[in-house]
Amino acid sequence: MHTPGDDAPAADVVAETEESRVEVYVTTDTSAAPHKAGEPKLYVMYDAAKPDGDKLYFTEAEWEAFVLGVKDGEFDLDESGNLPPLPEPGQPSQPSQPSQEPGQPS
């Protein structure tokens, strides 16, 4: 659980399932994440259904990269509910769609 006071909820970041409820809050208390002690604030992601369970701690830069990855579909599941395979080193994270000229068959 987090300590009230300097915490602020991250903007509407809540995903719910029957088994878990992922929530995020922002804190300036870095004592639970000593490896990130020099950071001015941390984004903390946890399962509110298991508040004493593990937590993920993100710096502001890490959180921004994570959110961009979510928006880019980096964590989208395929039709079977699996993450897509990792790209080969040096390849883009998602295959780019070739642009088509107007009038070309697809």
PDB file of N, CA and C in Angstrom:
ATOM      1  N   MET A   1       0.849  -1.180   0.000  1.00  0.00           N
ATOM      2  CA  MET A   1       0.000   0.000   0.000  1.00  0.00           C
ATOM      3  C   MET A   1       0.885   1.230   0.000  1.00  0.00           C
ATOM      4  N   HIS A   2       0.365   2.309  -0.494  1.00  0.00           N
ATOM      5  CA  HIS A   2       1.171   3.519  -0.544  1.00  0.00           C
ATOM      6  C   HIS A   2       0.850   4.434   0.626  1.00  0.00           C
ATOM      7  N   THR A   3       1.754   5.333   0.871  1.00  0.00           N
ATOM      8  CA  THR A   3       1.594   6.261   1.977  1.00  0.00           C
ATOM      9  C   THR A   3       0.855   7.495   1.493  1.00  0.00           C
ATOM     10  N   PRO A   4      -0.240   7.872   2.124  1.00  0.00           N
ATOM     11  CA  PRO A   4      -0.942   9.082   1.712  1.00  0.00           C
ATOM     12  C   PRO A   4      -0.091  10.312   1.985  1.00  0.00           C
ATOM     13  N   GLY A   5      -0.415  11.363   1.311  1.00  0.00           N
ATOM     14  CA  GLY A   5       0.298  12.609   1.552  1.00  0.00           C
ATOM     15  C   GLY A   5       0.810  13.179   0.265  1.00  0.00           C
ATOM     16  N   ASP A   6       1.976  12.681  -0.176  1.00  0.00           N
ATOM     17  CA  ASP A   6       2.558  13.265  -1.372  1.00  0.00           C
ATOM     18  C   ASP A   6       2.165  12.506  -2.637  1.00  0.00           C
ATOM     19  N   ASP A   7       1.267  11.546  -2.533  1.00  0.00           N
ATOM     20  CA  ASP A   7       0.871  10.739  -3.678  1.00  0.00           C
ATOM     21  C   ASP A   7      -0.262  11.407  -4.440  1.00  0.00           C
ATOM     22  N   ALA A   8      -0.233  11.224  -5.739  1.00  0.00           N
ATOM     23  CA  ALA A   8      -1.311  11.722  -6.583  1.00  0.00           C
ATOM     24  C   ALA A   8      -1.639  10.643  -7.596  1.00  0.00           C
ATOM     25  N   PRO A   9      -2.911  10.417  -7.863  1.00  0.00           N
ATOM     26  CA  PRO A   9      -3.249   9.381  -8.845  1.00  0.00           C
ATOM     27  C   PRO A   9      -2.790   9.794 -10.232  1.00  0.00           C
ATOM     28  N   ALA A  10      -2.292   8.842 -11.007  1.00  0.00           N
ATOM     29  CA  ALA A  10      -1.963   9.117 -12.397  1.00  0.00           C
ATOM     30  C   ALA A  10      -3.275   9.225 -13.152  1.00  0.00           C
ATOM     31  N   ALA A  11      -3.288  10.013 -14.178  1.00  0.00           N
ATOM     32  CA  ALA A  11      -4.508  10.354 -14.899  1.00  0.00           C
ATOM     33  C   ALA A  11      -5.250   9.125 -15.416  1.00  0.00           C
ATOM     34  N   ASP A  12      -6.316   8.761 -14.735  1.00  0.00           N
ATOM     35  CA  ASP A  12      -7.237   7.718 -15.183  1.00  0.00           C
ATOM     36  C   ASP A  12      -6.554   6.455 -15.678  1.00  0.00           C
ATOM     37  N   VAL A  13      -5.577   5.941 -14.955  1.00  0.00           N
ATOM     38  CA  VAL A  13      -4.898   4.718 -15.361  1.00  0.00           C
ATOM     39  C   VAL A  13      -5.414   3.579 -14.498  1.00  0.00           C
ATOM     40  N   VAL A  14      -6.464   2.913 -14.983  1.00  0.00           N
ATOM     41  CA  VAL A  14      -7.029   1.782 -14.263  1.00  0.00           C
ATOM     42  C   VAL A  14      -7.495   0.758 -15.288  1.00  0.00           C
ATOM     43  N   ALA A  15      -7.035  -0.482 -15.154  1.00  0.00           N
ATOM     44  CA  ALA A  15      -7.489  -1.578 -16.007  1.00  0.00           C
ATOM     45  C   ALA A  15      -8.062  -2.642 -15.091  1.00  0.00           C
ATOM     46  N   GLU A  16      -9.269  -3.079 -15.356  1.00  0.00           N
ATOM     47  CA  GLU A  16      -9.906  -4.030 -14.462  1.00  0.00           C
ATOM     48  C   GLU A  16     -10.148  -5.375 -15.141  1.00  0.00           C
ATOM     49  N   THR A  17      -9.920  -6.441 -14.401  1.00  0.00           N
ATOM     50  CA  THR A  17     -10.296  -7.795 -14.796  1.00  0.00           C
ATOM     51  C   THR A  17     -10.918  -8.438 -13.572  1.00  0.00           C
ATOM     52  N   GLU A  18     -11.392  -9.664 -13.710  1.00  0.00           N
ATOM     53  CA  GLU A  18     -11.987 -10.338 -12.564  1.00  0.00           C
ATOM     54  C   GLU A  18     -10.940 -10.676 -11.509  1.00  0.00           C
ATOM     55  N   GLU A  19      -9.711 -10.977 -11.934  1.00  0.00           N
ATOM     56  CA  GLU A  19      -8.686 -11.398 -10.983  1.00  0.00           C
ATOM     57  C   GLU A  19      -7.872 -10.242 -10.413  1.00  0.00           C
ATOM     58  N   SER A  20      -7.731  -9.164 -11.160  1.00  0.00           N
ATOM     59  CA  SER A  20      -6.853  -8.098 -10.697  1.00  0.00           C
ATOM     60  C   SER A  20      -7.408  -6.737 -11.081  1.00  0.00           C
ATOM     61  N   ARG A  21      -6.833  -5.732 -10.466  1.00  0.00           N
ATOM     62  CA  ARG A  21      -7.213  -4.353 -10.745  1.00  0.00           C
ATOM     63  C   ARG A  21      -5.925  -3.529 -10.722  1.00  0.00           C
ATOM     64  N   VAL A  22      -5.401  -3.250 -11.885  1.00  0.00           N
ATOM     65  CA  VAL A  22      -4.129  -2.537 -11.978  1.00  0.00           C
ATOM     66  C   VAL A  22      -4.376  -1.053 -11.737  1.00  0.00           C
ATOM     67  N   GLU A  23      -3.604  -0.497 -10.830  1.00  0.00           N
ATOM     68  CA  GLU A  23      -3.690   0.930 -10.536  1.00  0.00           C
ATOM     69  C   GLU A  23      -2.292   1.520 -10.506  1.00  0.00           C
ATOM     70  N   VAL A  24      -2.233   2.825 -10.698  1.00  0.00           N
ATOM     71  CA  VAL A  24      -0.959   3.551 -10.700  1.00  0.00           C
ATOM     72  C   VAL A  24      -1.115   4.791  -9.835  1.00  0.00           C
ATOM     73  N   TYR A  25      -0.102   5.065  -9.041  1.00  0.00           N
ATOM     74  CA  TYR A  25      -0.059   6.328  -8.313  1.00  0.00           C
ATOM     75  C   TYR A  25       1.346   6.907  -8.442  1.00  0.00           C
ATOM     76  N   VAL A  26       1.444   8.204  -8.177  1.00  0.00           N
ATOM     77  CA  VAL A  26       2.721   8.917  -8.250  1.00  0.00           C
ATOM     78  C   VAL A  26       3.135   9.271  -6.832  1.00  0.00           C
ATOM     79  N   THR A  27       4.431   9.064  -6.534  1.00  0.00           N
ATOM     80  CA  THR A  27       4.929   9.366  -5.199  1.00  0.00           C
ATOM     81  C   THR A  27       6.323   9.993  -5.269  1.00  0.00           C
ATOM     82  N   THR A  28       6.648  10.741  -4.244  1.00  0.00           N
ATOM     83  CA  THR A  28       8.011  11.254  -4.101  1.00  0.00           C
ATOM     84  C   THR A  28       8.798  10.427  -3.086  1.00  0.00           C
ATOM     85  N   ASP A  29       8.128   9.467  -2.441  1.00  0.00           N
ATOM     86  CA  ASP A  29       8.783   8.587  -1.477  1.00  0.00           C
ATOM     87  C   ASP A  29       9.449   7.437  -2.234  1.00  0.00           C
ATOM     88  N   THR A  30      10.765   7.460  -2.315  1.00  0.00           N
ATOM     89  CA  THR A  30      11.496   6.429  -3.059  1.00  0.00           C
ATOM     90  C   THR A  30      12.065   5.343  -2.142  1.00  0.00           C
ATOM     91  N   SER A  31      11.684   5.320  -0.867  1.00  0.00           N
ATOM     92  CA  SER A  31      12.275   4.375   0.079  1.00  0.00           C
ATOM     93  C   SER A  31      12.009   2.916  -0.287  1.00  0.00           C
ATOM     94  N   ALA A  32      10.890   2.630  -0.960  1.00  0.00           N
ATOM     95  CA  ALA A  32      10.582   1.251  -1.341  1.00  0.00           C
ATOM     96  C   ALA A  32      11.327   0.828  -2.607  1.00  0.00           C
ATOM     97  N   ALA A  33      11.960   1.781  -3.267  1.00  0.00           N
ATOM     98  CA  ALA A  33      12.712   1.489  -4.491  1.00  0.00           C
ATOM     99  C   ALA A  33      14.084   2.159  -4.402  1.00  0.00           C
ATOM    100  N   PRO A  34      14.972   1.646  -3.534  1.00  0.00           N
ATOM    101  CA  PRO A  34      16.254   2.314  -3.321  1.00  0.00           C
ATOM    102  C   PRO A  34      17.101   2.438  -4.582  1.00  0.00           C
ATOM    103  N   HIS A  35      16.887   1.544  -5.552  1.00  0.00           N
ATOM    104  CA  HIS A  35      17.634   1.625  -6.802  1.00  0.00           C
ATOM    105  C   HIS A  35      17.217   2.842  -7.630  1.00  0.00           C
ATOM    106  N   LYS A  36      16.154   3.527  -7.228  1.00  0.00           N
ATOM    107  CA  LYS A  36      15.694   4.729  -7.922  1.00  0.00           C
ATOM    108  C   LYS A  36      15.642   5.917  -6.959  1.00  0.00           C
ATOM    109  N   ALA A  37      16.466   5.879  -5.932  1.00  0.00           N
ATOM    110  CA  ALA A  37      16.410   6.870  -4.852  1.00  0.00           C
ATOM    111  C   ALA A  37      16.675   8.296  -5.303  1.00  0.00           C
ATOM    112  N   GLY A  38      17.423   8.507  -6.358  1.00  0.00           N
ATOM    113  CA  GLY A  38      17.738   9.860  -6.788  1.00  0.00           C
ATOM    114  C   GLY A  38      16.652  10.515  -7.626  1.00  0.00           C
ATOM    115  N   GLU A  39      15.568   9.826  -7.855  1.00  0.00           N
ATOM    116  CA  GLU A  39      14.502  10.345  -8.712  1.00  0.00           C
ATOM    117  C   GLU A  39      13.567  11.267  -7.928  1.00  0.00           C
ATOM    118  N   PRO A  40      13.103  12.362  -8.548  1.00  0.00           N
ATOM    119  CA  PRO A  40      12.204  13.279  -7.837  1.00  0.00           C
ATOM    120  C   PRO A  40      10.813  12.694  -7.610  1.00  0.00           C
ATOM    121  N   LYS A  41      10.354  11.810  -8.507  1.00  0.00           N
ATOM    122  CA  LYS A  41       9.068  11.148  -8.302  1.00  0.00           C
ATOM    123  C   LYS A  41       9.064   9.825  -9.043  1.00  0.00           C
ATOM    124  N   LEU A  42       8.230   8.916  -8.571  1.00  0.00           N
ATOM    125  CA  LEU A  42       8.101   7.601  -9.183  1.00  0.00           C
ATOM    126  C   LEU A  42       6.640   7.316  -9.483  1.00  0.00           C
ATOM    127  N   TYR A  43       6.409   6.598 -10.570  1.00  0.00           N
ATOM    128  CA  TYR A  43       5.090   6.067 -10.892  1.00  0.00           C
ATOM    129  C   TYR A  43       5.092   4.626 -10.383  1.00  0.00           C
ATOM    130  N   VAL A  44       4.101   4.271  -9.589  1.00  0.00           N
ATOM    131  CA  VAL A  44       4.046   2.951  -8.975  1.00  0.00           C
ATOM    132  C   VAL A  44       2.814   2.222  -9.508  1.00  0.00           C
ATOM    133  N   MET A  45       3.049   1.071 -10.145  1.00  0.00           N
ATOM    134  CA  MET A  45       1.959   0.254 -10.685  1.00  0.00           C
ATOM    135  C   MET A  45       1.813  -0.970  -9.791  1.00  0.00           C
ATOM    136  N   TYR A  46       0.565  -1.278  -9.429  1.00  0.00           N
ATOM    137  CA  TYR A  46       0.337  -2.426  -8.556  1.00  0.00           C
ATOM    138  C   TYR A  46      -1.054  -2.984  -8.791  1.00  0.00           C
ATOM    139  N   ASP A  47      -1.304  -4.156  -8.273  1.00  0.00           N
ATOM    140  CA  ASP A  47      -2.601  -4.810  -8.354  1.00  0.00           C
ATOM    141  C   ASP A  47      -3.384  -4.446  -7.098  1.00  0.00           C
ATOM    142  N   ALA A  48      -4.407  -3.618  -7.249  1.00  0.00           N
ATOM    143  CA  ALA A  48      -5.173  -3.164  -6.093  1.00  0.00           C
ATOM    144  C   ALA A  48      -5.943  -4.303  -5.432  1.00  0.00           C
ATOM    145  N   ALA A  49      -6.176  -5.402  -6.155  1.00  0.00           N
ATOM    146  CA  ALA A  49      -6.814  -6.566  -5.545  1.00  0.00           C
ATOM    147  C   ALA A  49      -5.852  -7.290  -4.605  1.00  0.00           C
ATOM    148  N   LYS A  50      -4.557  -7.035  -4.770  1.00  0.00           N
ATOM    149  CA  LYS A  50      -3.516  -7.615  -3.907  1.00  0.00           C
ATOM    150  C   LYS A  50      -2.560  -6.493  -3.497  1.00  0.00           C
ATOM    151  N   PRO A  51      -3.022  -5.557  -2.687  1.00  0.00           N
ATOM    152  CA  PRO A  51      -2.224  -4.368  -2.385  1.00  0.00           C
ATOM    153  C   PRO A  51      -0.890  -4.645  -1.700  1.00  0.00           C
ATOM    154  N   ASP A  52      -0.744  -5.808  -1.079  1.00  0.00           N
ATOM    155  CA  ASP A  52       0.534  -6.141  -0.447  1.00  0.00           C
ATOM    156  C   ASP A  52       1.449  -6.909  -1.385  1.00  0.00           C
ATOM    157  N   GLY A  53       1.012  -7.085  -2.631  1.00  0.00           N
ATOM    158  CA  GLY A  53       1.806  -7.816  -3.620  1.00  0.00           C
ATOM    159  C   GLY A  53       2.916  -6.953  -4.203  1.00  0.00           C
ATOM    160  N   ASP A  54       3.534  -7.475  -5.232  1.00  0.00           N
ATOM    161  CA  ASP A  54       4.643  -6.772  -5.885  1.00  0.00           C
ATOM    162  C   ASP A  54       4.179  -5.476  -6.540  1.00  0.00           C
ATOM    163  N   LYS A  55       5.108  -4.550  -6.658  1.00  0.00           N
ATOM    164  CA  LYS A  55       4.854  -3.270  -7.308  1.00  0.00           C
ATOM    165  C   LYS A  55       5.943  -3.027  -8.347  1.00  0.00           C
ATOM    166  N   LEU A  56       5.585  -2.324  -9.395  1.00  0.00           N
ATOM    167  CA  LEU A  56       6.553  -1.902 -10.408  1.00  0.00           C
ATOM    168  C   LEU A  56       6.787  -0.413 -10.238  1.00  0.00           C
ATOM    169  N   TYR A  57       8.041  -0.016 -10.204  1.00  0.00           N
ATOM    170  CA  TYR A  57       8.410   1.383 -10.004  1.00  0.00           C
ATOM    171  C   TYR A  57       9.012   1.924 -11.289  1.00  0.00           C
ATOM    172  N   PHE A  58       8.455   3.020 -11.791  1.00  0.00           N
ATOM    173  CA  PHE A  58       8.912   3.643 -13.021  1.00  0.00           C
ATOM    174  C   PHE A  58       9.391   5.059 -12.729  1.00  0.00           C
ATOM    175  N   THR A  59      10.533   5.445 -13.308  1.00  0.00           N
ATOM    176  CA  THR A  59      10.923   6.849 -13.278  1.00  0.00           C
ATOM    177  C   THR A  59      10.011   7.585 -14.260  1.00  0.00           C
ATOM    178  N   GLU A  60      10.069   8.884 -14.266  1.00  0.00           N
ATOM    179  CA  GLU A  60       9.229   9.640 -15.195  1.00  0.00           C
ATOM    180  C   GLU A  60       9.549   9.276 -16.646  1.00  0.00           C
ATOM    181  N   ALA A  61      10.842   9.153 -16.979  1.00  0.00           N
ATOM    182  CA  ALA A  61      11.235   8.789 -18.346  1.00  0.00           C
ATOM    183  C   ALA A  61      10.770   7.376 -18.697  1.00  0.00           C
ATOM    184  N   GLU A  62      10.900   6.446 -17.742  1.00  0.00           N
ATOM    185  CA  GLU A  62      10.447   5.071 -17.980  1.00  0.00           C
ATOM    186  C   GLU A  62       8.932   5.022 -18.172  1.00  0.00           C
ATOM    187  N   TRP A  63       8.204   5.802 -17.368  1.00  0.00           N
ATOM    188  CA  TRP A  63       6.750   5.819 -17.486  1.00  0.00           C
ATOM    189  C   TRP A  63       6.337   6.366 -18.851  1.00  0.00           C
ATOM    190  N   GLU A  64       6.972   7.454 -19.271  1.00  0.00           N
ATOM    191  CA  GLU A  64       6.655   8.033 -20.582  1.00  0.00           C
ATOM    192  C   GLU A  64       6.920   7.029 -21.700  1.00  0.00           C
ATOM    193  N   ALA A  65       8.028   6.298 -21.623  1.00  0.00           N
ATOM    194  CA  ALA A  65       8.346   5.281 -22.636  1.00  0.00           C
ATOM    195  C   ALA A  65       7.322   4.152 -22.596  1.00  0.00           C
ATOM    196  N   PHE A  66       6.910   3.731 -21.406  1.00  0.00           N
ATOM    197  CA  PHE A  66       5.909   2.682 -21.265  1.00  0.00           C
ATOM    198  C   PHE A  66       4.582   3.125 -21.891  1.00  0.00           C
ATOM    199  N   VAL A  67       4.137   4.327 -21.571  1.00  0.00           N
ATOM    200  CA  VAL A  67       2.874   4.834 -22.108  1.00  0.00           C
ATOM    201  C   VAL A  67       2.941   4.934 -23.629  1.00  0.00           C
ATOM    202  N   LEU A  68       4.059   5.408 -24.166  1.00  0.00           N
ATOM    203  CA  LEU A  68       4.208   5.463 -25.628  1.00  0.00           C
ATOM    204  C   LEU A  68       4.140   4.069 -26.234  1.00  0.00           C
ATOM    205  N   GLY A  69       4.750   3.076 -25.572  1.00  0.00           N
ATOM    206  CA  GLY A  69       4.686   1.697 -26.050  1.00  0.00           C
ATOM    207  C   GLY A  69       3.269   1.164 -26.046  1.00  0.00           C
ATOM    208  N   VAL A  70       2.500   1.502 -25.011  1.00  0.00           N
ATOM    209  CA  VAL A  70       1.098   1.080 -24.953  1.00  0.00           C
ATOM    210  C   VAL A  70       0.329   1.716 -26.104  1.00  0.00           C
ATOM    211  N   LYS A  71       0.518   3.016 -26.298  1.00  0.00           N
ATOM    212  CA  LYS A  71      -0.188   3.718 -27.377  1.00  0.00           C
ATOM    213  C   LYS A  71       0.207   3.191 -28.747  1.00  0.00           C
ATOM    214  N   ASP A  72       1.441   2.724 -28.878  1.00  0.00           N
ATOM    215  CA  ASP A  72       1.952   2.207 -30.152  1.00  0.00           C
ATOM    216  C   ASP A  72       1.547   0.751 -30.381  1.00  0.00           C
ATOM    217  N   GLY A  73       0.890   0.128 -29.406  1.00  0.00           N
ATOM    218  CA  GLY A  73       0.444  -1.256 -29.554  1.00  0.00           C
ATOM    219  C   GLY A  73       1.495  -2.286 -29.209  1.00  0.00           C
ATOM    220  N   GLU A  74       2.575  -1.855 -28.574  1.00  0.00           N
ATOM    221  CA  GLU A  74       3.680  -2.748 -28.254  1.00  0.00           C
ATOM    222  C   GLU A  74       3.268  -3.916 -27.362  1.00  0.00           C
ATOM    223  N   PHE A  75       2.222  -3.735 -26.567  1.00  0.00           N
ATOM    224  CA  PHE A  75       1.807  -4.767 -25.620  1.00  0.00           C
ATOM    225  C   PHE A  75       0.472  -5.411 -25.999  1.00  0.00           C
ATOM    226  N   ASP A  76      -0.009  -5.145 -27.219  1.00  0.00           N
ATOM    227  CA  ASP A  76      -1.268  -5.726 -27.666  1.00  0.00           C
ATOM    228  C   ASP A  76      -1.130  -7.232 -27.821  1.00  0.00           C
ATOM    229  N   LEU A  77      -2.183  -7.938 -27.487  1.00  0.00           N
ATOM    230  CA  LEU A  77      -2.199  -9.392 -27.600  1.00  0.00           C
ATOM    231  C   LEU A  77      -2.764  -9.798 -28.957  1.00  0.00           C
ATOM    232  N   ASP A  78      -2.328 -10.958 -29.455  1.00  0.00           N
ATOM    233  CA  ASP A  78      -2.881 -11.464 -30.712  1.00  0.00           C
ATOM    234  C   ASP A  78      -4.233 -12.124 -30.442  1.00  0.00           C
ATOM    235  N   GLU A  79      -4.817 -12.731 -31.487  1.00  0.00           N
ATOM    236  CA  GLU A  79      -6.141 -13.333 -31.368  1.00  0.00           C
ATOM    237  C   GLU A  79      -6.197 -14.451 -30.322  1.00  0.00           C
ATOM    238  N   SER A  80      -5.053 -15.076 -30.040  1.00  0.00           N
ATOM    239  CA  SER A  80      -4.993 -16.162 -29.064  1.00  0.00           C
ATOM    240  C   SER A  80      -4.703 -15.666 -27.646  1.00  0.00           C
ATOM    241  N   GLY A  81      -4.526 -14.359 -27.493  1.00  0.00           N
ATOM    242  CA  GLY A  81      -4.235 -13.812 -26.175  1.00  0.00           C
ATOM    243  C   GLY A  81      -2.765 -13.801 -25.822  1.00  0.00           C
ATOM    244  N   ASN A  82      -1.891 -13.965 -26.834  1.00  0.00           N
ATOM    245  CA  ASN A  82      -0.445 -13.979 -26.604  1.00  0.00           C
ATOM    246  C   ASN A  82       0.185 -12.694 -27.105  1.00  0.00           C
ATOM    247  N   LEU A  83       1.308 -12.333 -26.486  1.00  0.00           N
ATOM    248  CA  LEU A  83       2.086 -11.215 -27.017  1.00  0.00           C
ATOM    249  C   LEU A  83       2.702 -11.640 -28.338  1.00  0.00           C
ATOM    250  N   PRO A  84       2.851 -10.715 -29.290  1.00  0.00           N
ATOM    251  CA  PRO A  84       3.498 -11.077 -30.552  1.00  0.00           C
ATOM    252  C   PRO A  84       4.968 -11.411 -30.311  1.00  0.00           C
ATOM    253  N   PRO A  85       5.591 -12.164 -31.233  1.00  0.00           N
ATOM    254  CA  PRO A  85       7.010 -12.497 -31.046  1.00  0.00           C
ATOM    255  C   PRO A  85       7.871 -11.237 -31.074  1.00  0.00           C
ATOM    256  N   LEU A  86       8.996 -11.306 -30.376  1.00  0.00           N
ATOM    257  CA  LEU A  86       9.938 -10.191 -30.366  1.00  0.00           C
ATOM    258  C   LEU A  86      10.575 -10.037 -31.736  1.00  0.00           C
ATOM    259  N   PRO A  87      10.833  -8.795 -32.169  1.00  0.00           N
ATOM    260  CA  PRO A  87      11.499  -8.598 -33.458  1.00  0.00           C
ATOM    261  C   PRO A  87      12.960  -9.022 -33.384  1.00  0.00           C
ATOM    262  N   GLU A  88      13.529  -9.339 -34.529  1.00  0.00           N
ATOM    263  CA  GLU A  88      14.955  -9.646 -34.599  1.00  0.00           C
ATOM    264  C   GLU A  88      15.741  -8.384 -34.257  1.00  0.00           C
ATOM    265  N   PRO A  89      16.937  -8.510 -33.686  1.00  0.00           N
ATOM    266  CA  PRO A  89      17.747  -7.319 -33.374  1.00  0.00           C
ATOM    267  C   PRO A  89      17.937  -6.458 -34.622  1.00  0.00           C
ATOM    268  N   GLY A  90      17.779  -5.163 -34.433  1.00  0.00           N
ATOM    269  CA  GLY A  90      17.951  -4.223 -35.535  1.00  0.00           C
ATOM    270  C   GLY A  90      16.698  -4.014 -36.369  1.00  0.00           C
ATOM    271  N   GLN A  91      15.628  -4.743 -36.056  1.00  0.00           N
ATOM    272  CA  GLN A  91      14.373  -4.602 -36.797  1.00  0.00           C
ATOM    273  C   GLN A  91      13.414  -3.726 -35.996  1.00  0.00           C
ATOM    274  N   PRO A  92      12.478  -3.029 -36.683  1.00  0.00           N
ATOM    275  CA  PRO A  92      11.499  -2.227 -35.943  1.00  0.00           C
ATOM    276  C   PRO A  92      10.619  -3.122 -35.078  1.00  0.00           C
ATOM    277  N   SER A  93      10.055  -2.551 -34.007  1.00  0.00           N
ATOM    278  CA  SER A  93       9.253  -3.338 -33.079  1.00  0.00           C
ATOM    279  C   SER A  93       7.972  -3.849 -33.713  1.00  0.00           C
ATOM    280  N   GLN A  94       7.456  -3.138 -34.711  1.00  0.00           N
ATOM    281  CA  GLN A  94       6.273  -3.595 -35.425  1.00  0.00           C
ATOM    282  C   GLN A  94       6.550  -3.468 -36.912  1.00  0.00           C
ATOM    283  N   PRO A  95       6.130  -4.451 -37.698  1.00  0.00           N
ATOM    284  CA  PRO A  95       6.377  -4.335 -39.129  1.00  0.00           C
ATOM    285  C   PRO A  95       5.632  -3.146 -39.704  1.00  0.00           C
ATOM    286  N   SER A  96       6.313  -2.394 -40.537  1.00  0.00           N
ATOM    287  CA  SER A  96       5.659  -1.251 -41.151  1.00  0.00           C
ATOM    288  C   SER A  96       4.855  -1.728 -42.349  1.00  0.00           C
ATOM    289  N   GLN A  97       3.740  -1.084 -42.571  1.00  0.00           N
ATOM    290  CA  GLN A  97       2.878  -1.435 -43.684  1.00  0.00           C
ATOM    291  C   GLN A  97       3.364  -0.688 -44.919  1.00  0.00           C
ATOM    292  N   PRO A  98       3.585  -1.390 -46.022  1.00  0.00           N
ATOM    293  CA  PRO A  98       4.030  -0.678 -47.225  1.00  0.00           C
ATOM    294  C   PRO A  98       2.940   0.241 -47.722  1.00  0.00           C
ATOM    295  N   SER A  99       3.352   1.406 -48.153  1.00  0.00           N
ATOM    296  CA  SER A  99       2.358   2.345 -48.685  1.00  0.00           C
ATOM    297  C   SER A  99       1.974   1.907 -50.087  1.00  0.00           C
ATOM    298  N   GLN A 100       0.733   2.086 -50.430  1.00  0.00           N
ATOM    299  CA  GLN A 100       0.246   1.697 -51.739  1.00  0.00           C
ATOM    300  C   GLN A 100      -0.092   2.942 -52.539  1.00  0.00           C
ATOM    301  N   GLU A 101       0.230   2.879 -53.814  1.00  0.00           N
ATOM    302  CA  GLU A 101      -0.140   3.947 -54.721  1.00  0.00           C
ATOM    303  C   GLU A 101      -1.635   3.838 -54.994  1.00  0.00           C
ATOM    304  N   PRO A 102      -2.325   4.962 -55.172  1.00  0.00           N
ATOM    305  CA  PRO A 102      -3.757   4.880 -55.509  1.00  0.00           C
ATOM    306  C   PRO A 102      -3.913   4.092 -56.805  1.00  0.00           C
ATOM    307  N   GLY A 103      -4.896   3.226 -56.820  1.00  0.00           N
ATOM    308  CA  GLY A 103      -5.184   2.440 -58.018  1.00  0.00           C
ATOM    309  C   GLY A 103      -4.447   1.122 -58.090  1.00  0.00           C
ATOM    310  N   GLN A 104      -3.492   0.882 -57.188  1.00  0.00           N
ATOM    311  CA  GLN A 104      -2.782  -0.392 -57.183  1.00  0.00           C
ATOM    312  C   GLN A 104      -3.631  -1.436 -56.493  1.00  0.00           C
ATOM    313  N   PRO A 105      -3.638  -2.683 -57.005  1.00  0.00           N
ATOM    314  CA  PRO A 105      -4.377  -3.736 -56.299  1.00  0.00           C
ATOM    315  C   PRO A 105      -3.690  -4.067 -54.989  1.00  0.00           C
ATOM    316  N   SER A 106      -4.475  -4.469 -53.997  1.00  0.00           N
ATOM    317  CA  SER A 106      -3.882  -4.819 -52.705  1.00  0.00           C
ATOM    318  C   SER A 106      -3.644  -6.279 -52.593  1.00  0.00           C
TER     319      SER A 106
END
